[in-house]
C-alpha atoms as a PDB file:
ATOM      1  CA  UNK A   1       7.201  46.237  23.997  1.00  0.00           C
ATOM      2  CA  UNK A   2       9.541  43.751  22.308  1.00  0.00           C
ATOM      3  CA  UNK A   3       8.923  41.211  25.045  1.00  0.00           C
ATOM      4  CA  UNK A   4       5.167  41.632  24.697  1.00  0.00           C
ATOM      5  CA  UNK A   5       5.431  41.103  20.922  1.00  0.00           C
ATOM      6  CA  UNK A   6       7.488  37.907  21.364  1.00  0.00           C
ATOM      7  CA  UNK A   7       5.054  36.635  23.978  1.00  0.00           C
ATOM      8  CA  UNK A   8       2.163  37.316  21.615  1.00  0.00           C
ATOM      9  CA  UNK A   9       3.857  35.415  18.780  1.00  0.00           C
ATOM     10  CA  UNK A  10       4.515  32.487  21.066  1.00  0.00           C
ATOM     11  CA  UNK A  11       0.852  32.383  22.055  1.00  0.00           C
ATOM     12  CA  UNK A  12      -0.190  32.410  18.411  1.00  0.00           C
ATOM     13  CA  UNK A  13       2.308  29.645  17.571  1.00  0.00           C
ATOM     14  CA  UNK A  14       1.060  27.557  20.468  1.00  0.00           C
ATOM     15  CA  UNK A  15      -2.501  27.976  19.325  1.00  0.00           C
ATOM     16  CA  UNK A  16      -1.594  26.906  15.795  1.00  0.00           C
ATOM     17  CA  UNK A  17       0.153  23.781  17.104  1.00  0.00           C
ATOM     18  CA  UNK A  18      -2.810  22.942  19.318  1.00  0.00           C
ATOM     19  CA  UNK A  19      -5.251  23.357  16.433  1.00  0.00           C
ATOM     20  CA  UNK A  20      -3.045  21.198  14.202  1.00  0.00           C
ATOM     21  CA  UNK A  21      -2.891  18.456  16.793  1.00  0.00           C
ATOM     22  CA  UNK A  22      -6.615  18.647  17.373  1.00  0.00           C
ATOM     23  CA  UNK A  23      -7.246  18.495  13.651  1.00  0.00           C
ATOM     24  CA  UNK A  24      -5.009  15.449  13.332  1.00  0.00           C
ATOM     25  CA  UNK A  25      -6.886  13.664  16.087  1.00  0.00           C
ATOM     26  CA  UNK A  26     -10.325  14.421  14.727  1.00  0.00           C
ATOM     27  CA  UNK A  27      -9.347  13.296  11.202  1.00  0.00           C
ATOM     28  CA  UNK A  28      -8.517   9.803  12.490  1.00  0.00           C
ATOM     29  CA  UNK A  29     -11.447   7.477  11.951  1.00  0.00           C
ATOM     30  CA  UNK A  30     -12.955   5.956  15.091  1.00  0.00           C
ATOM     31  CA  UNK A  31     -12.208   2.242  15.364  1.00  0.00           C
ATOM     32  CA  UNK A  32     -15.871   1.176  14.946  1.00  0.00           C
ATOM     33  CA  UNK A  33     -15.924   3.074  11.650  1.00  0.00           C
ATOM     34  CA  UNK A  34     -12.700   1.468  10.455  1.00  0.00           C
ATOM     35  CA  UNK A  35     -14.061  -1.970  11.382  1.00  0.00           C
ATOM     36  CA  UNK A  36     -17.314  -1.309   9.551  1.00  0.00           C
ATOM     37  CA  UNK A  37     -15.405  -0.187   6.451  1.00  0.00           C
ATOM     38  CA  UNK A  38     -13.079  -3.185   6.668  1.00  0.00           C
ATOM     39  CA  UNK A  39     -15.893  -5.693   7.026  1.00  0.00           C
ATOM     40  CA  UNK A  40     -17.788  -4.129   4.114  1.00  0.00           C
ATOM     41  CA  UNK A  41     -14.708  -4.254   1.896  1.00  0.00           C
ATOM     42  CA  UNK A  42     -14.178  -7.888   2.881  1.00  0.00           C
ATOM     43  CA  UNK A  43     -17.809  -8.727   2.112  1.00  0.00           C
ATOM     44  CA  UNK A  44     -17.627  -7.276  -1.398  1.00  0.00           C
ATOM     45  CA  UNK A  45     -14.155  -8.794  -1.936  1.00  0.00           C
ATOM     46  CA  UNK A  46     -12.252  -5.529  -2.093  1.00  0.00           C
ATOM     47  CA  UNK A  47      -9.265  -7.287  -0.603  1.00  0.00           C
ATOM     48  CA  UNK A  48      -6.733  -4.459  -0.804  1.00  0.00           C
ATOM     49  CA  UNK A  49      -9.071  -2.053   0.988  1.00  0.00           C
ATOM     50  CA  UNK A  50      -9.977  -4.705   3.564  1.00  0.00           C
ATOM     51  CA  UNK A  51      -6.307  -5.403   4.192  1.00  0.00           C
ATOM     52  CA  UNK A  52      -5.496  -1.723   4.723  1.00  0.00           C
ATOM     53  CA  UNK A  53      -8.369  -1.211   7.146  1.00  0.00           C
ATOM     54  CA  UNK A  54      -7.761  -4.391   9.123  1.00  0.00           C
ATOM     55  CA  UNK A  55      -4.090  -3.461   9.355  1.00  0.00           C
ATOM     56  CA  UNK A  56      -5.032  -0.031  10.733  1.00  0.00           C
ATOM     57  CA  UNK A  57      -7.181  -1.669  13.397  1.00  0.00           C
ATOM     58  CA  UNK A  58      -4.390  -4.075  14.279  1.00  0.00           C
ATOM     59  CA  UNK A  59      -1.859  -1.246  14.512  1.00  0.00           C
ATOM     60  CA  UNK A  60      -4.100   0.408  17.073  1.00  0.00           C
ATOM     61  CA  UNK A  61      -5.329  -2.763  18.790  1.00  0.00           C
ATOM     62  CA  UNK A  62      -2.711  -5.488  18.252  1.00  0.00           C
ATOM     63  CA  UNK A  63      -4.532  -7.848  20.609  1.00  0.00           C
ATOM     64  CA  UNK A  64      -7.516  -8.173  18.205  1.00  0.00           C
ATOM     65  CA  UNK A  65      -6.993 -11.747  17.083  1.00  0.00           C
ATOM     66  CA  UNK A  66     -10.175 -11.913  15.002  1.00  0.00           C
ATOM     67  CA  UNK A  67      -8.970  -8.879  13.054  1.00  0.00           C
ATOM     68  CA  UNK A  68      -5.578 -10.485  12.502  1.00  0.00           C
ATOM     69  CA  UNK A  69      -7.313 -13.560  11.088  1.00  0.00           C
ATOM     70  CA  UNK A  70      -9.384 -11.451   8.699  1.00  0.00           C
ATOM     71  CA  UNK A  71      -6.275  -9.502   7.727  1.00  0.00           C
ATOM     72  CA  UNK A  72      -4.501 -12.755   6.897  1.00  0.00           C
ATOM     73  CA  UNK A  73      -7.450 -13.948   4.816  1.00  0.00           C
ATOM     74  CA  UNK A  74      -7.506 -10.656   2.907  1.00  0.00           C
ATOM     75  CA  UNK A  75      -3.804 -11.086   2.204  1.00  0.00           C
ATOM     76  CA  UNK A  76      -4.254 -14.680   1.121  1.00  0.00           C
ATOM     77  CA  UNK A  77      -6.959 -13.672  -1.336  1.00  0.00           C
ATOM     78  CA  UNK A  78      -4.427 -11.348  -2.959  1.00  0.00           C
ATOM     79  CA  UNK A  79      -1.793 -14.051  -3.198  1.00  0.00           C
ATOM     80  CA  UNK A  80       0.310 -12.535  -0.418  1.00  0.00           C
ATOM     81  CA  UNK A  81       1.026 -15.933   1.078  1.00  0.00           C
ATOM     82  CA  UNK A  82       4.080 -14.909   3.099  1.00  0.00           C
ATOM     83  CA  UNK A  83       2.235 -12.106   4.903  1.00  0.00           C
ATOM     84  CA  UNK A  84      -0.871 -14.242   5.275  1.00  0.00           C
ATOM     85  CA  UNK A  85       1.025 -17.196   6.738  1.00  0.00           C
ATOM     86  CA  UNK A  86       2.804 -14.911   9.179  1.00  0.00           C
ATOM     87  CA  UNK A  87      -0.485 -13.552  10.501  1.00  0.00           C
ATOM     88  CA  UNK A  88      -2.197 -16.957  10.485  1.00  0.00           C
ATOM     89  CA  UNK A  89       0.697 -18.252  12.576  1.00  0.00           C
ATOM     90  CA  UNK A  90       0.291 -15.519  15.179  1.00  0.00           C
ATOM     91  CA  UNK A  91      -3.486 -15.972  15.238  1.00  0.00           C
ATOM     92  CA  UNK A  92      -3.038 -19.712  15.757  1.00  0.00           C
ATOM     93  CA  UNK A  93      -0.619 -19.176  18.630  1.00  0.00           C
ATOM     94  CA  UNK A  94      -3.339 -17.168  20.372  1.00  0.00           C
ATOM     95  CA  UNK A  95      -6.156 -19.616  19.564  1.00  0.00           C
ATOM     96  CA  UNK A  96      -4.567 -23.019  18.826  1.00  0.00           C
ATOM     97  CA  UNK A  97      -7.795 -25.064  18.758  1.00  0.00           C
ATOM     98  CA  UNK A  98      -9.631 -22.819  16.309  1.00  0.00           C
ATOM     99  CA  UNK A  99     -10.472 -25.000  13.292  1.00  0.00           C
ATOM    100  CA  UNK A 100     -11.125 -21.968  11.110  1.00  0.00           C
ATOM    101  CA  UNK A 101      -7.592 -20.695  11.673  1.00  0.00           C
ATOM    102  CA  UNK A 102      -6.138 -24.184  11.267  1.00  0.00           C
ATOM    103  CA  UNK A 103      -7.961 -24.658   7.967  1.00  0.00           C
ATOM    104  CA  UNK A 104      -6.826 -21.331   6.572  1.00  0.00           C
ATOM    105  CA  UNK A 105      -3.279 -21.865   7.808  1.00  0.00           C
ATOM    106  CA  UNK A 106      -3.179 -25.125   5.856  1.00  0.00           C
ATOM    107  CA  UNK A 107      -4.594 -23.414   2.785  1.00  0.00           C
ATOM    108  CA  UNK A 108      -2.009 -20.642   3.058  1.00  0.00           C
ATOM    109  CA  UNK A 109       0.820 -23.167   3.184  1.00  0.00           C
ATOM    110  CA  UNK A 110      -0.701 -25.079   0.275  1.00  0.00           C
ATOM    111  CA  UNK A 111      -0.961 -21.946  -1.847  1.00  0.00           C
ATOM    112  CA  UNK A 112       2.609 -21.005  -1.008  1.00  0.00           C
ATOM    113  CA  UNK A 113       3.726 -24.278  -2.598  1.00  0.00           C
ATOM    114  CA  UNK A 114       5.734 -25.304   0.456  1.00  0.00           C
ATOM    115  CA  UNK A 115       4.718 -28.968   0.641  1.00  0.00           C
ATOM    116  CA  UNK A 116       7.246 -29.829   3.331  1.00  0.00           C
ATOM    117  CA  UNK A 117       5.969 -27.099   5.642  1.00  0.00           C
ATOM    118  CA  UNK A 118       2.365 -28.060   4.887  1.00  0.00           C
ATOM    119  CA  UNK A 119       2.980 -31.738   5.644  1.00  0.00           C
ATOM    120  CA  UNK A 120       4.793 -30.895   8.872  1.00  0.00           C
ATOM    121  CA  UNK A 121       1.992 -28.534   9.911  1.00  0.00           C
ATOM    122  CA  UNK A 122      -0.723 -31.126   9.253  1.00  0.00           C
ATOM    123  CA  UNK A 123       1.142 -33.915  11.023  1.00  0.00           C
ATOM    124  CA  UNK A 124       1.838 -31.734  14.042  1.00  0.00           C
ATOM    125  CA  UNK A 125      -1.802 -30.645  14.305  1.00  0.00           C
ATOM    126  CA  UNK A 126      -2.986 -34.240  14.087  1.00  0.00           C
ATOM    127  CA  UNK A 127      -0.467 -35.590  16.609  1.00  0.00           C
ATOM    128  CA  UNK A 128      -0.958 -32.788  19.123  1.00  0.00           C
ATOM    129  CA  UNK A 129      -4.757 -32.570  18.909  1.00  0.00           C
ATOM    130  CA  UNK A 130      -5.849 -35.896  17.470  1.00  0.00           C
ATOM    131  CA  UNK A 131      -9.342 -34.769  16.524  1.00  0.00           C
ATOM    132  CA  UNK A 132     -11.514 -35.851  13.611  1.00  0.00           C
ATOM    133  CA  UNK A 133     -11.148 -32.414  12.012  1.00  0.00           C
ATOM    134  CA  UNK A 134      -7.347 -32.641  12.158  1.00  0.00           C
ATOM    135  CA  UNK A 135      -7.242 -35.941  10.290  1.00  0.00           C
ATOM    136  CA  UNK A 136      -9.863 -34.829   7.774  1.00  0.00           C
ATOM    137  CA  UNK A 137      -7.754 -31.756   7.060  1.00  0.00           C
ATOM    138  CA  UNK A 138      -4.701 -33.942   6.621  1.00  0.00           C
ATOM    139  CA  UNK A 139      -6.565 -36.256   4.267  1.00  0.00           C
ATOM    140  CA  UNK A 140      -7.778 -33.357   2.155  1.00  0.00           C
ATOM    141  CA  UNK A 141      -4.361 -31.793   1.639  1.00  0.00           C
ATOM    142  CA  UNK A 142      -2.451 -35.055   1.290  1.00  0.00           C
ATOM    143  CA  UNK A 143      -4.880 -35.870  -1.498  1.00  0.00           C
ATOM    144  CA  UNK A 144      -4.380 -32.438  -3.084  1.00  0.00           C
ATOM    145  CA  UNK A 145      -0.596 -32.717  -3.141  1.00  0.00           C
ATOM    146  CA  UNK A 146      -0.668 -36.229  -4.558  1.00  0.00           C
ATOM    147  CA  UNK A 147       0.031 -38.459  -1.540  1.00  0.00           C
ATOM    148  CA  UNK A 148      -2.795 -41.045  -1.747  1.00  0.00           C
ATOM    149  CA  UNK A 149      -1.448 -43.456   0.879  1.00  0.00           C
ATOM    150  CA  UNK A 150      -1.219 -40.719   3.504  1.00  0.00           C
ATOM    151  CA  UNK A 151      -4.593 -39.304   2.472  1.00  0.00           C
ATOM    152  CA  UNK A 152      -6.342 -42.656   2.824  1.00  0.00           C
ATOM    153  CA  UNK A 153      -4.770 -43.330   6.204  1.00  0.00           C
ATOM    154  CA  UNK A 154      -5.788 -39.903   7.483  1.00  0.00           C
ATOM    155  CA  UNK A 155      -9.413 -40.338   6.344  1.00  0.00           C
ATOM    156  CA  UNK A 156      -9.607 -43.826   7.866  1.00  0.00           C
ATOM    157  CA  UNK A 157      -8.167 -42.538  11.134  1.00  0.00           C
ATOM    158  CA  UNK A 158     -10.816 -39.799  11.198  1.00  0.00           C
ATOM    159  CA  UNK A 159     -13.529 -42.420  10.620  1.00  0.00           C
ATOM    160  CA  UNK A 160     -12.107 -44.585  13.416  1.00  0.00           C
ATOM    161  CA  UNK A 161     -11.999 -41.703  15.905  1.00  0.00           C
ATOM    162  CA  UNK A 162     -15.554 -40.781  14.912  1.00  0.00           C
ATOM    163  CA  UNK A 163     -16.628 -44.451  15.223  1.00  0.00           C
ATOM    164  CA  UNK A 164     -18.236 -44.197  11.798  1.00  0.00           C
ATOM    165  CA  UNK A 165     -21.055 -41.924  12.937  1.00  0.00           C
ATOM    166  CA  UNK A 166     -20.620 -38.990  10.513  1.00  0.00           C
ATOM    167  CA  UNK A 167     -21.737 -39.240   6.876  1.00  0.00           C
ATOM    168  CA  UNK A 168     -19.390 -36.543   5.599  1.00  0.00           C
ATOM    169  CA  UNK A 169     -16.360 -38.674   6.507  1.00  0.00           C
ATOM    170  CA  UNK A 170     -17.678 -41.601   4.474  1.00  0.00           C
ATOM    171  CA  UNK A 171     -18.407 -39.254   1.592  1.00  0.00           C
ATOM    172  CA  UNK A 172     -14.839 -37.956   1.708  1.00  0.00           C
ATOM    173  CA  UNK A 173     -13.623 -41.538   1.554  1.00  0.00           C
ATOM    174  CA  UNK A 174     -16.030 -42.288  -1.309  1.00  0.00           C
ATOM    175  CA  UNK A 175     -14.635 -39.301  -3.228  1.00  0.00           C
ATOM    176  CA  UNK A 176     -11.090 -40.382  -2.465  1.00  0.00           C
ATOM    177  CA  UNK A 177     -11.608 -43.948  -3.639  1.00  0.00           C
ATOM    178  CA  UNK A 178     -13.334 -42.722  -6.775  1.00  0.00           C
ATOM    179  CA  UNK A 179     -10.392 -40.406  -7.488  1.00  0.00           C
ATOM    180  CA  UNK A 180      -7.967 -43.360  -7.428  1.00  0.00           C
ATOM    181  CA  UNK A 181     -10.262 -45.570  -9.517  1.00  0.00           C
ATOM    182  CA  UNK A 182     -11.389 -47.864  -6.716  1.00  0.00           C
ATOM    183  CA  UNK A 183     -15.096 -48.161  -7.537  1.00  0.00           C
ATOM    184  CA  UNK A 184     -15.985 -51.001  -5.086  1.00  0.00           C
ATOM    185  CA  UNK A 185     -14.710 -49.103  -2.058  1.00  0.00           C
ATOM    186  CA  UNK A 186     -16.265 -45.872  -3.298  1.00  0.00           C
ATOM    187  CA  UNK A 187     -19.654 -47.615  -3.486  1.00  0.00           C
ATOM    188  CA  UNK A 188     -19.075 -49.195  -0.085  1.00  0.00           C
ATOM    189  CA  UNK A 189     -18.513 -45.799   1.556  1.00  0.00           C
ATOM    190  CA  UNK A 190     -21.586 -44.389  -0.195  1.00  0.00           C
ATOM    191  CA  UNK A 191     -23.571 -47.253   1.330  1.00  0.00           C
ATOM    192  CA  UNK A 192     -22.332 -46.248   4.774  1.00  0.00           C
ATOM    193  CA  UNK A 193     -23.164 -42.576   4.194  1.00  0.00           C
ATOM    194  CA  UNK A 194     -26.626 -43.603   2.963  1.00  0.00           C
ATOM    195  CA  UNK A 195     -27.160 -45.681   6.105  1.00  0.00           C
ATOM    196  CA  UNK A 196     -26.530 -42.588   8.222  1.00  0.00           C
ATOM    197  CA  UNK A 197     -28.390 -39.987   6.114  1.00  0.00           C
ATOM    198  CA  UNK A 198     -30.881 -41.678   3.756  1.00  0.00           C
ATOM    199  CA  UNK A 199     -32.796 -38.395   3.584  1.00  0.00           C
ATOM    200  CA  UNK A 200     -29.868 -36.611   1.928  1.00  0.00           C
ATOM    201  CA  UNK A 201     -31.177 -35.857  -1.563  1.00  0.00           C
ATOM    202  CA  UNK A 202     -27.678 -35.405  -2.976  1.00  0.00           C
ATOM    203  CA  UNK A 203     -26.836 -39.066  -2.405  1.00  0.00           C
ATOM    204  CA  UNK A 204     -29.359 -40.511  -4.866  1.00  0.00           C
ATOM    205  CA  UNK A 205     -27.714 -39.118  -8.017  1.00  0.00           C
ATOM    206  CA  UNK A 206     -24.251 -40.098  -6.794  1.00  0.00           C
ATOM    207  CA  UNK A 207     -25.373 -43.645  -6.114  1.00  0.00           C
ATOM    208  CA  UNK A 208     -27.092 -43.969  -9.497  1.00  0.00           C
ATOM    209  CA  UNK A 209     -24.032 -42.533 -11.268  1.00  0.00           C
ATOM    210  CA  UNK A 210     -22.123 -45.569  -9.996  1.00  0.00           C
ATOM    211  CA  UNK A 211     -24.779 -47.925 -11.336  1.00  0.00           C
ATOM    212  CA  UNK A 212     -26.390 -48.663  -7.967  1.00  0.00           C
ATOM    213  CA  UNK A 213     -29.934 -48.219  -6.693  1.00  0.00           C
ATOM    214  CA  UNK A 214     -30.579 -46.252  -3.484  1.00  0.00           C
ATOM    215  CA  UNK A 215     -32.918 -47.835  -0.979  1.00  0.00           C
ATOM    216  CA  UNK A 216     -33.005 -49.854   2.270  1.00  0.00           C
ATOM    217  CA  UNK A 217     -31.010 -52.742   0.780  1.00  0.00           C
ATOM    218  CA  UNK A 218     -28.262 -50.386  -0.377  1.00  0.00           C
ATOM    219  CA  UNK A 219     -27.547 -49.054   3.116  1.00  0.00           C
ATOM    220  CA  UNK A 220     -24.760 -50.592   5.161  1.00  0.00           C
ATOM    221  CA  UNK A 221     -23.710 -50.145   8.782  1.00  0.00           C
ATOM    222  CA  UNK A 222     -20.392 -48.246   8.740  1.00  0.00           C
ATOM    223  CA  UNK A 223     -17.284 -50.357   9.208  1.00  0.00           C
ATOM    224  CA  UNK A 224     -16.046 -48.329  12.179  1.00  0.00           C
ATOM    225  CA  UNK A 225     -19.461 -48.525  13.829  1.00  0.00           C
ATOM    226  CA  UNK A 226     -19.345 -52.307  13.529  1.00  0.00           C
ATOM    227  CA  UNK A 227     -15.959 -52.301  15.172  1.00  0.00           C
ATOM    228  CA  UNK A 228     -17.368 -50.600  18.260  1.00  0.00           C
ATOM    229  CA  UNK A 229     -19.828 -53.453  18.745  1.00  0.00           C
ATOM    230  CA  UNK A 230     -17.235 -56.158  18.002  1.00  0.00           C
ATOM    231  CA  UNK A 231     -18.726 -57.327  14.710  1.00  0.00           C
ATOM    232  CA  UNK A 232     -16.625 -58.622  11.809  1.00  0.00           C
ATOM    233  CA  UNK A 233     -15.374 -55.890   9.470  1.00  0.00           C
ATOM    234  CA  UNK A 234     -14.162 -55.750   5.903  1.00  0.00           C
ATOM    235  CA  UNK A 235     -10.436 -55.014   5.670  1.00  0.00           C
ATOM    236  CA  UNK A 236      -9.465 -51.985   3.593  1.00  0.00           C
ATOM    237  CA  UNK A 237      -6.100 -51.843   1.856  1.00  0.00           C
ATOM    238  CA  UNK A 238      -4.260 -48.967   0.273  1.00  0.00           C
ATOM    239  CA  UNK A 239      -5.321 -47.784  -3.227  1.00  0.00           C
ATOM    240  CA  UNK A 240      -2.078 -48.840  -4.854  1.00  0.00           C
ATOM    241  CA  UNK A 241      -2.800 -52.486  -4.090  1.00  0.00           C
ATOM    242  CA  UNK A 242       0.235 -53.029  -1.896  1.00  0.00           C
END
């Protein structure tokens, strides 16, 4: 009788444990639900909620590199630059040519205030990959941290690699030259951008703001384009006049 009673209690205890385990499993949100919640929180800029949900997904599926990237962005939006930079770094190791990750990695380093690490990161990306996007990124952040010589050189290198065919590069140079008070070169780069995209309605006001008149006579073949067909080019010097 005693043995039967003990056996019965053991069966009951086992059933309770099984029910508890089953309950714990069923209370865990399915991954598609967690992802939906995370993406919604990200969309409405509920960064803390997005971070928690993306982290849960990553804990369960650590190979999800797109989730890691979104997690890092959610952390960056909250000012958690150390955590964000850690996750951006891992995401970049997995997908080293992804410009979105490269851009956000640079922004994370910029927001962290670590100029040395940012400069090293930008230089390494440019030297290892050598693409237009890498030099444009370098120009942008060198300009933001107050290194005009390096910024100008990076933008000009991007224009050279591109052979002067992309208006946005000339516009970046126009903005740069305007920021350092070099009106003639700012106008010159606007002329090149206008040559490439005369239909761009945003160019007219910019051109007029500098006292010029948009039209066929304003357009100019980009310097780097001329270089590809062995025509004379106008030499550009650094904005400090050295």
